[in-house]
Protein backbone atom coordinates (compact mmCIF):
# COMPACT_ATOMS: atom_id res chain seq x y z
CA MET A 1 -0.57 0.74 13.03
CA MET A 2 -2.42 4.05 13.28
CA GLU A 3 -5.79 2.19 12.45
CA LYS A 4 -7.75 4.99 14.17
CA ASP A 5 -5.97 7.81 12.34
CA PHE A 6 -6.32 6.53 8.89
CA ILE A 7 -9.66 6.06 7.34
CA PRO A 8 -9.45 5.25 3.63
CA GLU A 9 -11.87 6.39 1.05
CA ALA A 10 -11.25 3.41 -1.11
CA VAL A 11 -9.17 0.11 -0.85
CA VAL A 12 -7.40 -1.12 -3.87
CA LEU A 13 -7.07 -5.03 -3.87
CA ALA A 14 -4.03 -6.22 -6.11
CA ASP A 15 -3.59 -9.78 -7.38
CA GLY A 16 -1.04 -10.93 -4.68
CA ASP A 17 -1.75 -12.86 -1.60
CA TYR A 18 -5.16 -12.41 -0.41
CA PRO A 19 -5.21 -10.63 3.09
CA LYS A 20 -5.45 -13.42 5.79
CA GLU A 21 -8.24 -13.43 8.21
CA LYS A 22 -7.80 -11.54 11.41
CA THR A 23 -5.40 -8.85 9.59
CA PHE A 24 -5.90 -5.15 9.48
CA ALA A 25 -5.68 -5.74 5.69
CA ARG A 26 -8.85 -7.86 5.60
CA LYS A 27 -10.77 -5.77 8.00
CA LEU A 28 -10.04 -2.81 5.66
CA LEU A 29 -11.23 -5.03 2.55
CA MET A 30 -14.52 -6.06 4.15
CA GLU A 31 -15.39 -2.69 5.83
CA VAL A 32 -14.47 0.08 3.58
CA PRO A 33 -17.34 0.73 1.30
CA PHE A 34 -15.56 1.26 -2.28
CA VAL A 35 -13.12 -1.57 -3.41
CA VAL A 36 -11.17 -1.24 -6.60
CA CYS A 37 -9.86 -4.73 -7.83
CA CYS A 38 -6.93 -5.15 -10.24
CA ASP A 39 -7.99 -7.64 -12.81
CA HIS A 40 -8.19 -11.18 -11.30
CA ALA A 41 -8.24 -9.68 -7.87
CA GLY A 42 -12.04 -9.04 -8.58
CA ALA A 43 -12.61 -12.83 -8.66
CA MET A 44 -10.84 -13.46 -5.58
CA LEU A 45 -12.92 -10.81 -3.80
CA ALA A 46 -16.09 -12.23 -5.26
CA ARG A 47 -15.14 -15.57 -3.91
CA HIS A 48 -14.55 -14.41 -0.54
CA GLY A 49 -18.30 -12.84 -0.55
CA LYS A 50 -17.72 -9.31 -1.46
CA ILE A 51 -18.82 -7.52 -5.01
CA PRO A 52 -16.17 -5.29 -6.54
CA ASP A 53 -17.21 -1.73 -6.85
CA ALA A 54 -14.93 -1.53 -9.98
CA ILE A 55 -12.49 -3.98 -11.74
CA VAL A 56 -9.51 -2.09 -13.39
CA GLY A 57 -6.79 -3.60 -15.79
CA ASP A 58 -6.13 -5.00 -19.30
CA GLY A 59 -8.47 -7.88 -18.65
CA ASP A 60 -5.52 -10.41 -19.61
CA SER A 61 -6.14 -12.38 -16.44
CA LEU A 62 -10.01 -12.03 -16.41
CA SER A 63 -12.05 -15.27 -17.75
CA ALA A 64 -14.81 -14.56 -20.12
CA ALA A 65 -17.31 -15.51 -17.34
CA MET A 66 -15.92 -12.89 -15.17
CA LYS A 67 -15.85 -10.25 -18.07
CA LYS A 68 -19.64 -10.89 -18.62
CA SER A 69 -20.59 -11.21 -14.94
CA PHE A 70 -18.99 -7.76 -14.12
CA ALA A 71 -19.31 -6.03 -17.37
CA SER A 72 -20.94 -3.14 -15.44
CA VAL A 73 -17.96 -2.49 -13.14
CA TRP A 74 -15.17 -3.52 -15.53
CA TYR A 75 -12.96 -0.71 -16.86
CA ARG A 76 -10.61 -1.91 -19.48
CA VAL A 77 -7.29 -0.16 -19.81
CA SER A 78 -5.25 -1.76 -22.57
CA GLU A 79 -2.04 0.28 -22.37
CA GLN A 80 0.96 -1.50 -21.01
CA GLU A 81 3.13 1.18 -19.84
CA THR A 82 1.97 0.80 -16.09
CA ASN A 83 0.74 -2.12 -14.16
CA ASP A 84 -2.91 -2.95 -13.02
CA LEU A 85 -2.22 -1.45 -9.45
CA SER A 86 -1.00 2.09 -11.22
CA LYS A 87 -3.92 1.75 -13.53
CA ALA A 88 -6.28 1.43 -10.47
CA MET A 89 -5.01 4.09 -8.62
CA ARG A 90 -5.21 6.65 -11.82
CA PHE A 91 -8.75 5.40 -11.84
CA LEU A 92 -9.29 6.74 -8.38
CA SER A 93 -7.63 9.95 -8.92
CA GLU A 94 -9.76 10.66 -11.90
CA ARG A 95 -12.38 10.40 -9.53
CA GLY A 96 -11.10 12.71 -6.89
CA ILE A 97 -10.34 9.85 -4.40
CA LYS A 98 -6.94 10.39 -2.98
CA LYS A 99 -7.11 8.52 0.60
CA VAL A 100 -6.29 5.00 -0.52
CA ALA A 101 -5.33 1.66 1.29
CA ILE A 102 -3.69 -1.10 -0.92
CA VAL A 103 -3.86 -4.55 0.18
CA GLY A 104 -3.06 -7.91 -1.56
CA ALA A 105 0.19 -6.28 -3.11
CA THR A 106 2.85 -8.49 -1.92
CA GLY A 107 3.49 -12.23 -2.11
CA LYS A 108 3.43 -14.71 -5.03
CA ARG A 109 6.13 -13.10 -6.93
CA GLU A 110 9.01 -11.21 -5.20
CA ASP A 111 9.89 -8.99 -8.34
CA HIS A 112 6.14 -7.73 -8.27
CA THR A 113 6.22 -7.24 -4.54
CA LEU A 114 9.23 -4.91 -4.72
CA GLY A 115 7.82 -3.19 -7.72
CA ASN A 116 4.36 -2.52 -6.02
CA ILE A 117 6.04 -1.34 -2.82
CA SER A 118 8.43 1.03 -4.74
CA LEU A 119 5.31 2.56 -6.37
CA LEU A 120 4.24 3.97 -3.03
CA ILE A 121 6.78 6.88 -3.75
CA ASP A 122 5.31 7.65 -6.97
CA TYR A 123 1.84 7.47 -5.69
CA MET A 124 2.73 9.98 -2.95
CA HIS A 125 4.03 12.29 -5.46
CA MET A 126 0.72 11.97 -7.17
CA ASN A 127 -0.75 13.56 -4.08
CA PHE A 128 -2.13 10.19 -2.66
CA ASP A 129 -2.41 9.85 1.15
CA VAL A 130 -1.75 5.98 0.59
CA ARG A 131 -0.68 3.13 2.88
CA MET A 132 0.17 -0.60 1.73
CA TYR A 133 -1.10 -2.99 4.35
CA THR A 134 0.29 -6.73 4.17
CA ASN A 135 -0.27 -9.70 6.47
CA THR A 136 2.46 -8.53 8.70
CA GLY A 137 2.30 -4.68 8.79
CA VAL A 138 2.13 -1.68 6.76
CA PHE A 139 4.20 0.48 4.35
CA ILE A 140 3.90 4.30 4.77
CA PRO A 141 5.39 6.63 2.07
CA CYS A 142 6.90 9.86 3.51
CA MET A 143 8.80 12.86 2.29
CA ASP A 144 11.11 15.05 4.38
CA ASP A 145 10.09 15.54 8.21
CA ASN A 146 7.34 13.24 9.53
CA THR A 147 6.13 12.35 12.84
CA LEU A 148 4.21 9.03 13.41
CA ASP A 149 2.01 7.57 16.14
CA VAL A 150 3.62 3.88 15.90
CA GLY A 151 3.12 2.66 19.50
CA GLU A 152 5.98 1.81 21.95
CA GLY A 153 7.80 -1.29 21.37
CA LYS A 154 7.12 -1.61 17.68
CA ALA A 155 9.36 -3.03 14.88
CA VAL A 156 10.01 -0.45 12.50
CA SER A 157 12.19 -0.26 9.25
CA ILE A 158 13.08 2.59 7.19
CA PHE A 159 14.11 2.38 3.46
CA SER A 160 15.69 5.59 1.78
CA PHE A 161 14.91 6.64 -1.70
CA GLY A 162 17.58 8.98 -1.92
CA ALA A 163 16.86 10.86 1.27
CA LYS A 164 19.48 12.99 2.82
CA ASP A 165 20.30 14.36 6.40
CA MET A 166 18.42 11.57 8.03
CA LYS A 167 17.84 11.82 11.58
CA SER A 168 15.43 10.32 14.21
CA GLU A 169 13.80 10.64 17.59
CA GLY A 170 12.05 7.55 19.35
CA LEU A 171 13.90 4.77 17.75
CA LYS A 172 16.30 2.43 19.33
CA TYR A 173 19.04 2.81 16.65
CA PRO A 174 19.24 6.64 15.59
CA LEU A 175 19.03 7.02 11.71
CA HIS A 176 21.66 8.33 9.47
CA ASP A 177 22.03 8.61 5.72
CA LEU A 178 21.19 5.18 4.31
CA THR A 179 22.97 3.81 1.31
CA SER A 180 21.55 0.62 1.30
CA TRP A 181 18.02 -0.92 2.06
CA TRP A 182 19.11 -3.16 4.74
CA GLN A 183 20.84 -0.55 6.97
CA GLY A 184 17.55 0.87 8.18
CA THR A 185 16.02 -2.41 8.91
CA LEU A 186 15.19 -4.16 12.22
CA ASN A 187 14.72 -0.91 14.22
CA LYS A 188 12.35 -0.57 17.08
CA SER A 189 10.42 2.26 18.61
CA VAL A 190 11.02 3.26 22.10
CA SER A 191 8.12 5.73 22.64
CA GLU A 192 4.59 6.21 21.23
CA ARG A 193 5.78 8.43 18.39
CA ILE A 194 8.78 8.35 16.21
CA THR A 195 10.01 11.60 14.30
CA ILE A 196 12.07 11.20 11.05
CA ARG A 197 14.00 14.27 9.71
CA ALA A 198 15.13 14.18 6.46
CA LYS A 199 15.23 15.71 2.94
CA GLY A 200 13.68 13.64 0.39
CA ASP A 201 11.73 10.43 0.08
CA TYR A 202 11.58 7.14 2.17
CA LEU A 203 9.44 4.38 3.31
CA VAL A 204 8.65 3.51 6.68
CA PHE A 205 7.36 -0.09 7.66
CA ILE A 206 5.64 -0.83 10.82
CA LYS A 207 5.19 -4.34 11.86
CA ALA A 208 1.59 -5.09 13.18
């Protein structure tokens, strides 16, 4: 999953399923020095033995005790036009941090999961170098032509966000323009690298 190539400046912990033990998502969460939590995720991180460097959100899921205990690192953002994940990303952008790993953003609710995954495209256009690590793999937002070191024999899925003229190298099933999300799923790398050529935005998921 390109662990050696991607060293984030910060990790954002969302309030979905907490990363499982022995996953790369948990490794990042424990080892990257700066962790921003989305509201209640701060309590989850503290229960697992690590203190958040910042807690960002509207505070609606933070207990009074948490607000008091973490008053020095709680950054309240009351507006409701964006979710807490986007508030956390904006918090990092304002501090000049652009290389970010997101964990804990899937699970619990399928609607939140889909919404959080789709936001990766927005973050890419905000000039973030961002990836979302789950308990089973990693989502990478891409635009136009890209070559990714994925490793031979990896399960790969591609989701188009309006991309055109899609072609690929290094995949078992060659890409074409995708009109539905399912069409790019359940592919497989047949070489160490895959190359995707396209005009527009798409997401790549690589299974761990």
